[in-house]
Protein backbone atom coordinates (compact mmCIF):
# COMPACT_ATOMS: atom_id res chain seq x y z
CA MET A 1 -0.23 -0.07 0.13
CA PRO A 2 1.28 3.27 -0.82
CA THR A 3 2.12 5.56 2.18
CA THR A 4 2.99 9.17 2.66
CA GLU A 5 5.79 10.57 4.77
CA LYS A 6 4.35 14.00 4.56
CA THR A 7 0.86 15.02 4.08
CA THR A 8 -0.08 17.50 1.38
CA ILE A 9 -2.94 19.27 0.07
CA SER A 10 -3.83 21.23 -2.96
CA PRO A 11 -2.98 25.09 -2.39
CA ASP A 12 -6.14 25.86 -4.29
CA THR A 13 -8.41 23.76 -1.91
CA LEU A 14 -6.50 25.33 1.15
CA ALA A 15 -7.09 28.83 -0.12
CA LEU A 16 -10.76 27.99 -0.41
CA PHE A 17 -10.89 26.96 3.16
CA ASP A 18 -9.16 29.89 4.44
CA GLU A 19 -11.13 32.46 2.68
CA TYR A 20 -14.82 30.96 2.85
CA VAL A 21 -14.85 28.16 5.59
CA ILE A 22 -15.25 28.94 9.63
CA PRO A 23 -11.94 27.38 11.10
CA ASN A 24 -13.99 25.78 13.92
CA TYR A 25 -12.27 22.29 13.22
CA GLY A 26 -8.69 21.40 13.56
CA ARG A 27 -8.01 19.61 10.24
CA PHE A 28 -5.19 17.76 8.92
CA PRO A 29 -3.74 19.00 5.74
CA VAL A 30 -5.51 16.27 3.71
CA ALA A 31 -8.18 16.59 1.16
CA LEU A 32 -10.22 13.19 0.70
CA VAL A 33 -11.87 12.59 -2.47
CA ARG A 34 -12.81 8.92 -2.60
CA GLY A 35 -13.37 5.99 -0.20
CA GLU A 36 -14.05 2.23 -0.72
CA GLY A 37 -14.36 -0.36 2.12
CA SER A 38 -11.77 0.79 4.77
CA ARG A 39 -9.53 2.65 2.20
CA VAL A 40 -9.75 6.42 1.41
CA TRP A 41 -7.96 8.45 -1.32
CA ASP A 42 -6.67 12.02 -1.01
CA ASP A 43 -6.51 14.56 -3.78
CA GLN A 44 -2.74 13.97 -4.25
CA GLY A 45 -3.11 10.13 -4.95
CA ASN A 46 -2.25 8.91 -1.54
CA VAL A 47 -4.22 6.00 -0.14
CA TYR A 48 -4.88 5.32 3.67
CA LEU A 49 -6.30 2.41 5.73
CA ASP A 50 -9.06 3.88 7.71
CA PHE A 51 -9.55 2.65 11.41
CA PHE A 52 -11.83 5.77 12.35
CA PRO A 53 -14.05 5.90 9.16
CA GLY A 54 -16.43 8.84 9.35
CA TRP A 55 -15.98 9.41 12.95
CA GLY A 56 -17.58 6.18 13.46
CA CYS A 57 -20.45 6.87 11.09
CA ASN A 58 -18.96 4.55 8.49
CA LEU A 59 -19.89 1.18 10.34
CA LEU A 60 -19.85 -0.84 6.70
CA GLY A 61 -16.73 0.99 5.39
CA HIS A 62 -16.85 3.70 2.73
CA CYS A 63 -19.47 3.55 0.12
CA PRO A 64 -21.09 0.05 1.04
CA GLU A 65 -22.72 -1.29 -2.16
CA PRO A 66 -26.26 -1.80 -0.82
CA VAL A 67 -26.43 1.82 0.72
CA VAL A 68 -24.99 3.22 -2.51
CA GLU A 69 -27.71 1.43 -4.69
CA ALA A 70 -30.30 2.27 -2.32
CA VAL A 71 -29.93 5.97 -2.24
CA GLN A 72 -29.34 6.00 -6.02
CA ASP A 73 -32.66 4.31 -6.64
CA GLN A 74 -34.36 6.73 -4.11
CA VAL A 75 -32.77 10.03 -5.43
CA ALA A 76 -34.23 9.47 -8.63
CA LYS A 77 -37.81 9.12 -7.27
CA LEU A 78 -37.98 11.36 -4.25
CA ILE A 79 -35.54 13.36 -2.48
CA HIS A 80 -37.51 14.75 0.29
CA ALA A 81 -40.88 15.24 1.45
CA PRO A 82 -42.08 17.06 4.52
CA ASN A 83 -43.53 14.81 7.45
CA THR A 84 -47.00 15.97 6.91
CA TRP A 85 -47.03 13.30 4.68
CA PHE A 86 -46.52 9.53 4.84
CA MET A 87 -43.40 7.72 3.38
CA GLU A 88 -43.57 3.83 3.43
CA ALA A 89 -39.84 3.54 3.76
CA GLN A 90 -39.85 5.69 6.86
CA GLY A 91 -42.38 3.27 8.36
CA GLN A 92 -40.67 0.13 7.44
CA TRP A 93 -37.33 1.60 8.84
CA ALA A 94 -39.02 2.24 12.12
CA LYS A 95 -40.35 -1.25 12.18
CA LEU A 96 -36.81 -2.76 11.66
CA LEU A 97 -35.26 -0.60 14.54
CA SER A 98 -38.28 -1.44 16.95
CA GLU A 99 -38.17 -5.17 16.20
CA ARG A 100 -34.36 -5.24 16.89
CA SER A 101 -34.57 -3.28 20.17
CA PHE A 102 -37.30 -3.05 22.67
CA GLY A 103 -40.38 -2.73 20.69
CA GLY A 104 -40.50 1.07 20.84
CA GLN A 105 -41.84 3.80 18.41
CA ALA A 106 -39.38 5.94 16.37
CA PHE A 107 -38.84 9.58 15.91
CA PHE A 108 -36.39 10.44 13.16
CA CYS A 109 -34.04 13.40 13.03
CA ASN A 110 -30.57 14.11 11.67
CA SER A 111 -27.93 13.69 14.34
CA GLY A 112 -27.18 12.52 17.62
CA ALA A 113 -27.66 15.82 19.18
CA GLU A 114 -31.06 16.13 17.86
CA ALA A 115 -32.02 12.78 18.85
CA ASN A 116 -30.68 13.67 22.45
CA GLU A 117 -32.87 17.00 22.39
CA ALA A 118 -35.85 14.98 21.66
CA ALA A 119 -34.93 12.53 24.20
CA ILE A 120 -34.79 15.23 26.80
CA LYS A 121 -37.97 17.04 25.67
CA LEU A 122 -39.75 13.67 25.93
CA ALA A 123 -38.56 13.28 29.38
CA ARG A 124 -39.93 16.39 30.50
CA LEU A 125 -43.00 16.05 28.72
CA HIS A 126 -43.87 12.72 30.09
CA THR A 127 -42.90 13.32 33.90
CA PRO A 128 -45.15 15.16 36.22
CA ALA A 129 -45.07 18.98 36.09
CA GLY A 130 -42.10 19.97 38.51
CA ARG A 131 -39.92 17.11 37.52
CA TYR A 132 -37.31 18.33 34.97
CA LYS A 133 -33.96 17.43 36.10
CA ILE A 134 -31.91 14.90 34.36
CA ILE A 135 -28.73 13.16 35.77
CA THR A 136 -26.13 12.47 33.26
CA PHE A 137 -22.27 11.32 34.09
CA GLU A 138 -18.91 12.81 34.04
CA GLY A 139 -17.12 11.78 30.89
CA GLY A 140 -20.19 11.26 28.78
CA PHE A 141 -20.75 13.23 25.48
CA HIS A 142 -24.29 14.01 24.24
CA GLY A 143 -23.86 16.42 21.43
CA ARG A 144 -23.33 20.27 20.64
CA THR A 145 -26.59 21.99 20.91
CA PHE A 146 -27.35 23.73 24.12
CA ALA A 147 -29.32 21.07 25.95
CA ALA A 148 -27.14 18.24 24.51
CA VAL A 149 -23.84 19.85 25.50
CA THR A 150 -25.25 20.99 28.96
CA ALA A 151 -26.12 17.37 29.49
CA THR A 152 -22.25 16.60 28.44
CA ALA A 153 -20.60 16.64 31.95
CA GLN A 154 -17.29 17.77 30.61
CA PRO A 155 -16.12 21.10 31.45
CA LYS A 156 -14.08 21.92 28.67
CA TYR A 157 -17.47 22.01 26.29
CA HIS A 158 -19.05 24.40 28.37
CA GLU A 159 -16.00 27.35 28.53
CA ASP A 160 -17.25 30.52 27.24
CA ILE A 161 -20.69 29.54 26.42
CA GLY A 162 -22.39 30.03 29.54
CA PRO A 163 -24.84 30.23 31.21
CA MET A 164 -25.74 26.53 30.53
CA LEU A 165 -29.36 25.35 30.82
CA PRO A 166 -30.74 24.34 34.21
CA GLY A 167 -31.80 20.98 35.07
CA PHE A 168 -29.01 18.89 34.34
CA VAL A 169 -27.12 17.01 37.50
CA TYR A 170 -23.81 15.24 37.19
CA ALA A 171 -22.62 12.11 38.59
CA PRO A 172 -19.33 9.84 38.29
CA PHE A 173 -19.71 7.40 35.75
CA GLY A 174 -20.16 4.05 37.34
CA ASP A 175 -21.05 5.30 40.89
CA LEU A 176 -24.74 3.95 41.90
CA GLU A 177 -24.59 5.81 45.43
CA ALA A 178 -23.76 9.12 44.01
CA VAL A 179 -26.98 8.61 41.58
CA GLN A 180 -28.92 7.79 44.56
CA GLU A 181 -28.15 10.82 46.34
CA LYS A 182 -28.70 13.11 43.41
CA ILE A 183 -32.15 11.68 42.78
CA ASP A 184 -34.77 14.24 44.54
CA ASP A 185 -38.45 15.37 43.68
CA GLU A 186 -37.58 17.17 40.71
CA THR A 187 -35.94 14.43 38.85
CA ALA A 188 -37.32 13.26 35.81
CA ALA A 189 -34.69 10.91 34.16
CA ILE A 190 -31.22 9.47 33.97
CA LEU A 191 -29.31 9.82 30.72
CA VAL A 192 -26.13 7.77 30.12
CA GLU A 193 -24.15 6.20 27.42
CA PRO A 194 -24.03 2.37 27.92
CA ILE A 195 -20.35 2.77 26.87
CA GLN A 196 -18.78 5.99 26.91
CA GLY A 197 -17.34 6.70 23.58
CA GLU A 198 -15.64 9.98 23.51
CA GLY A 199 -14.89 9.68 26.93
CA GLY A 200 -12.34 7.10 26.22
CA ILE A 201 -14.37 3.79 25.41
CA ARG A 202 -15.19 3.38 29.09
CA LEU A 203 -17.19 0.14 29.92
CA PRO A 204 -19.59 0.23 32.82
CA PRO A 205 -18.97 -1.45 36.01
CA THR A 206 -20.48 -4.67 36.73
CA GLY A 207 -24.10 -4.15 37.68
CA PHE A 208 -24.36 -0.41 36.90
CA LEU A 209 -26.60 -0.29 34.21
CA GLN A 210 -28.72 -2.96 35.98
CA GLY A 211 -28.41 -0.51 39.02
CA LEU A 212 -29.76 2.20 37.02
CA ARG A 213 -32.64 0.46 35.92
CA GLN A 214 -33.48 -0.38 39.43
CA LEU A 215 -33.15 3.17 40.69
CA ALA A 216 -35.32 4.51 37.76
CA ASP A 217 -38.12 1.97 38.71
CA GLU A 218 -37.96 2.81 42.42
CA HIS A 219 -38.19 6.26 41.79
CA GLY A 220 -40.40 6.73 38.73
CA LEU A 221 -37.56 7.94 36.45
CA LEU A 222 -37.39 7.50 32.71
CA LEU A 223 -33.94 5.61 31.91
CA ILE A 224 -32.45 6.94 28.55
CA PHE A 225 -29.57 5.36 26.84
CA ASP A 226 -27.37 7.45 24.38
CA GLU A 227 -26.16 4.62 21.95
CA VAL A 228 -25.34 7.18 19.13
CA GLN A 229 -21.81 5.79 19.05
CA ALA A 230 -22.33 2.31 20.41
CA GLY A 231 -25.40 1.33 18.72
CA CYS A 232 -26.48 -0.13 15.48
CA GLY A 233 -24.16 -3.43 15.55
CA ARG A 234 -20.97 -1.85 16.44
CA THR A 235 -20.45 -3.70 19.62
CA GLY A 236 -21.58 -7.22 18.12
CA LYS A 237 -25.10 -7.07 19.34
CA TRP A 238 -27.68 -4.29 17.69
CA PHE A 239 -27.42 -2.17 20.85
CA ALA A 240 -24.97 -2.22 23.56
CA HIS A 241 -27.34 -2.46 26.26
CA GLN A 242 -28.15 -5.67 25.11
CA HIS A 243 -24.88 -6.93 26.62
CA PHE A 244 -26.02 -6.21 29.84
CA GLY A 245 -29.69 -7.35 30.13
CA VAL A 246 -31.06 -3.94 30.58
CA GLU A 247 -33.55 -2.25 28.50
CA PRO A 248 -34.12 1.61 28.39
CA ASP A 249 -37.23 3.48 28.22
CA ILE A 250 -35.85 5.85 25.55
CA MET A 251 -32.59 5.31 23.34
CA THR A 252 -31.08 7.49 21.06
CA LEU A 253 -29.14 6.63 17.70
CA ALA A 254 -27.22 8.27 14.71
CA LYS A 255 -23.80 7.91 13.45
CA SER A 256 -23.79 4.43 11.84
CA LEU A 257 -27.59 4.26 11.56
CA CYS A 258 -27.57 5.01 7.99
CA GLY A 259 -24.43 3.33 6.93
CA GLY A 260 -22.71 6.70 6.42
CA VAL A 261 -25.40 8.80 5.37
CA ALA A 262 -26.80 11.57 7.66
CA GLY A 263 -29.48 10.30 10.06
CA GLY A 264 -30.45 10.22 13.72
CA ALA A 265 -33.60 8.42 15.67
CA MET A 266 -34.89 8.63 19.05
CA LEU A 267 -37.01 5.19 20.21
CA ALA A 268 -39.35 5.26 23.14
CA ARG A 269 -41.45 2.93 24.61
CA LYS A 270 -45.15 3.41 23.10
CA GLU A 271 -46.82 4.26 26.19
CA ILE A 272 -44.07 6.88 26.62
CA ALA A 273 -43.65 8.08 23.09
CA SER A 274 -47.44 9.25 22.71
CA SER A 275 -46.30 12.20 25.21
CA LEU A 276 -44.51 13.65 22.20
CA ARG A 277 -47.69 15.31 20.94
CA PRO A 278 -48.24 16.91 17.48
CA GLY A 279 -46.56 20.36 17.31
CA MET A 280 -44.24 19.75 20.30
CA HIS A 281 -41.02 18.53 18.34
CA ALA A 282 -40.05 18.10 14.80
CA ALA A 283 -37.22 17.58 12.28
CA THR A 284 -37.71 19.15 8.78
CA PHE A 285 -35.20 16.66 7.20
CA GLY A 286 -35.93 13.79 9.90
CA GLY A 287 -36.45 10.30 8.26
CA ASN A 288 -36.42 11.63 4.70
CA PRO A 289 -36.62 9.21 1.98
CA LEU A 290 -32.71 9.11 1.34
CA ALA A 291 -32.07 8.54 4.99
CA ALA A 292 -34.91 5.67 5.49
CA ARG A 293 -33.75 3.73 2.43
CA ALA A 294 -30.00 3.95 3.66
CA GLY A 295 -31.11 3.01 6.89
CA ILE A 296 -33.14 -0.02 5.73
CA ALA A 297 -29.96 -1.01 3.47
CA THR A 298 -27.96 -0.96 6.34
CA ILE A 299 -29.86 -3.06 8.51
CA GLU A 300 -30.16 -5.50 5.69
CA MET A 301 -26.49 -5.47 4.92
CA ILE A 302 -25.49 -6.33 8.42
CA GLU A 303 -27.63 -9.32 8.64
CA GLN A 304 -27.33 -10.60 5.13
CA ASN A 305 -23.53 -10.61 5.64
CA ASN A 306 -23.60 -11.83 9.43
CA LEU A 307 -21.64 -8.64 10.46
CA LEU A 308 -22.71 -9.05 14.20
CA GLU A 309 -20.75 -12.16 14.26
CA ARG A 310 -18.03 -10.66 12.19
CA ALA A 311 -17.51 -7.85 14.82
CA GLU A 312 -17.28 -10.44 17.50
CA VAL A 313 -14.29 -12.03 15.58
CA LEU A 314 -12.62 -8.74 14.68
CA ALA A 315 -12.73 -7.59 18.19
CA GLU A 316 -10.82 -10.75 19.27
CA ALA A 317 -8.34 -10.27 16.59
CA PHE A 318 -7.78 -6.76 17.82
CA ARG A 319 -7.24 -7.84 21.23
CA ALA A 320 -4.73 -10.49 20.26
CA GLN A 321 -2.81 -7.61 18.29
CA LEU A 322 -3.11 -4.99 20.98
CA GLU A 323 -3.23 -6.68 24.36
CA PRO A 324 0.74 -7.52 24.42
CA LEU A 325 1.28 -3.84 24.41
CA VAL A 326 -0.13 -3.45 28.01
CA GLU A 327 2.41 -5.95 29.21
CA GLU A 328 5.30 -5.03 27.22
CA LEU A 329 5.16 -1.06 27.78
CA PRO A 330 4.68 0.49 31.05
CA PHE A 331 3.05 3.62 29.69
CA VAL A 332 0.31 1.56 27.85
CA ARG A 333 -2.36 1.37 30.77
CA GLU A 334 -5.32 -0.48 29.59
CA LEU A 335 -7.10 -1.99 26.53
CA ARG A 336 -10.84 -1.67 26.25
CA ILE A 337 -12.81 -3.51 23.76
CA CYS A 338 -16.41 -4.25 23.22
CA GLY A 339 -16.75 -5.35 19.80
CA LEU A 340 -15.57 -2.86 17.39
CA MET A 341 -15.30 -0.01 20.15
CA ILE A 342 -11.62 -0.07 20.95
CA GLY A 343 -9.78 2.26 23.15
CA LEU A 344 -5.96 2.00 24.09
CA GLU A 345 -5.23 4.08 27.22
CA LEU A 346 -1.78 5.44 27.67
CA SER A 347 -0.22 7.20 30.67
CA VAL A 348 1.22 10.11 28.52
CA ASP A 349 -0.31 12.61 25.68
CA ALA A 350 -0.99 10.46 22.79
CA THR A 351 -2.19 13.09 20.53
CA SER A 352 1.00 13.22 18.32
CA LEU A 353 0.37 9.38 17.40
CA VAL A 354 -2.51 10.34 15.16
CA GLN A 355 -0.07 12.32 12.84
CA THR A 356 2.49 9.48 13.19
CA CYS A 357 -0.06 6.88 11.76
CA LEU A 358 -1.26 9.37 9.23
CA ASP A 359 2.10 9.80 7.85
CA GLN A 360 2.34 5.94 7.45
CA GLY A 361 -1.09 5.55 5.93
CA LEU A 362 -3.23 4.98 8.73
CA LEU A 363 -6.21 7.03 10.14
CA ILE A 364 -6.83 6.84 13.77
CA ASN A 365 -8.44 8.96 16.66
CA CYS A 366 -6.87 10.07 20.01
CA THR A 367 -9.62 11.27 22.61
CA GLN A 368 -9.29 12.88 26.05
CA GLY A 369 -5.84 13.29 25.04
CA ASN A 370 -4.41 9.81 26.03
CA VAL A 371 -6.71 7.33 24.80
CA LEU A 372 -6.30 5.95 21.11
CA ARG A 373 -9.66 5.35 19.84
CA LEU A 374 -10.60 2.96 16.89
CA LEU A 375 -13.84 2.51 15.42
CA PRO A 376 -13.31 0.39 12.38
CA ALA A 377 -15.76 -0.83 9.83
CA LEU A 378 -17.49 -4.39 10.32
CA THR A 379 -16.34 -5.11 6.77
CA LEU A 380 -12.50 -4.71 7.55
CA SER A 381 -10.53 -7.87 6.12
CA ASP A 382 -8.22 -9.82 8.21
CA GLU A 383 -5.47 -8.56 6.16
CA GLU A 384 -6.27 -4.85 6.86
CA LEU A 385 -6.59 -5.60 10.48
CA GLU A 386 -3.07 -7.03 10.66
CA GLU A 387 -1.82 -4.34 8.27
CA GLY A 388 -3.26 -1.57 10.51
CA CYS A 389 -2.32 -3.05 13.71
CA ASN A 390 1.26 -3.34 12.33
CA ILE A 391 1.53 0.30 11.88
CA LEU A 392 -0.04 1.13 15.05
CA THR A 393 1.96 -0.88 17.22
CA ASN A 394 5.08 -0.05 15.76
CA ALA A 395 4.42 3.64 16.08
CA ILE A 396 3.48 3.01 19.86
CA ARG A 397 6.72 0.97 20.28
CA GLU A 398 8.58 3.95 18.99
CA PHE A 399 6.53 6.58 20.77
CA PRO A 400 8.59 7.03 24.01
CA GLU A 401 11.99 7.07 22.31
CA GLY A 402 10.97 9.51 19.72
CA LEU A 403 9.32 11.78 22.27
CA GLY A 404 11.72 11.23 25.10
CA THR A 405 8.84 10.39 27.47
CA GLY A 406 10.40 6.96 28.60
CA GLY A 407 6.58 6.00 29.81
């Protein structure tokens, strides 16, 4: 596979962005132009192996054929229609999601933040007047809109945009006693990621989700699972909470929901969903024909190709490749894996490793400053896995000498 020692970008592209695009993203000097499976190409002809495709949205790899064909077929028939009309594909999509989860009803939107906004609004609408507080967890991430970012219990996301919205109470992730102490007569719901993604691929302690379910039931609260990153098959089950034998009252989805096409959803138990009355919430593009067809094709491709089982096989292969680093290198603290949610925590700042891997033709992510995060596609081949892990492990082994950290 060709690699690049120095990333490059067209001066014309760079000039366009400098002049016309708000610089609110930290961008690498690479302009991607094409993707296929777990490979992407830039405008200079360099090819990269992608272990973080689409920020986790491309669960099936880049341009999966069934999704491409479904969207191509639909775009020639009907691109968009408002939700004042019925669309058969949207109903079919909702049915497929309901049957694979807890039997709820779906509200469709465009992103994880929108899905969480809908869940927050539904929780307040459904619970008695005066109950409006929602307990969320340190290290969690729920989106960038104001309610979602307030629900995100990470101070760095609140800097310079306060005051934040009232009604959100934060507890340490995994601490049931702290949750119990924060419940009062104004509490409406508990919102939690079953597996924290942006927080560093943090898995819940044994009994934690079950304990939240018990607390919610005892106090008449709604339990909301944010599965924006963990859902839709990434962990080897349709939804991450299914690993723990706990069902939510409300669940939010996005990212890989439509195989790379923008789409989001909130699912709620039918008796709760009815509280989202006509006129109380909407999303202009939510559940549009293109997203619905892509969402259906995504589910069908996962099942027809046994990709849930494939996720488990790939997870064990990643574990075999990466686990030895924990014993071998003192600055590699812990490997955390659930399906194809993979976090490798270091005791030192790991952000420079993203560039090191990029220079060798591998795309990865670093979150929380010291956790290397991989969200590879379910369609990753054995050969691609080995190739990428070789690049990654070599970069990590050379890391302390190159930076003089020594671990």
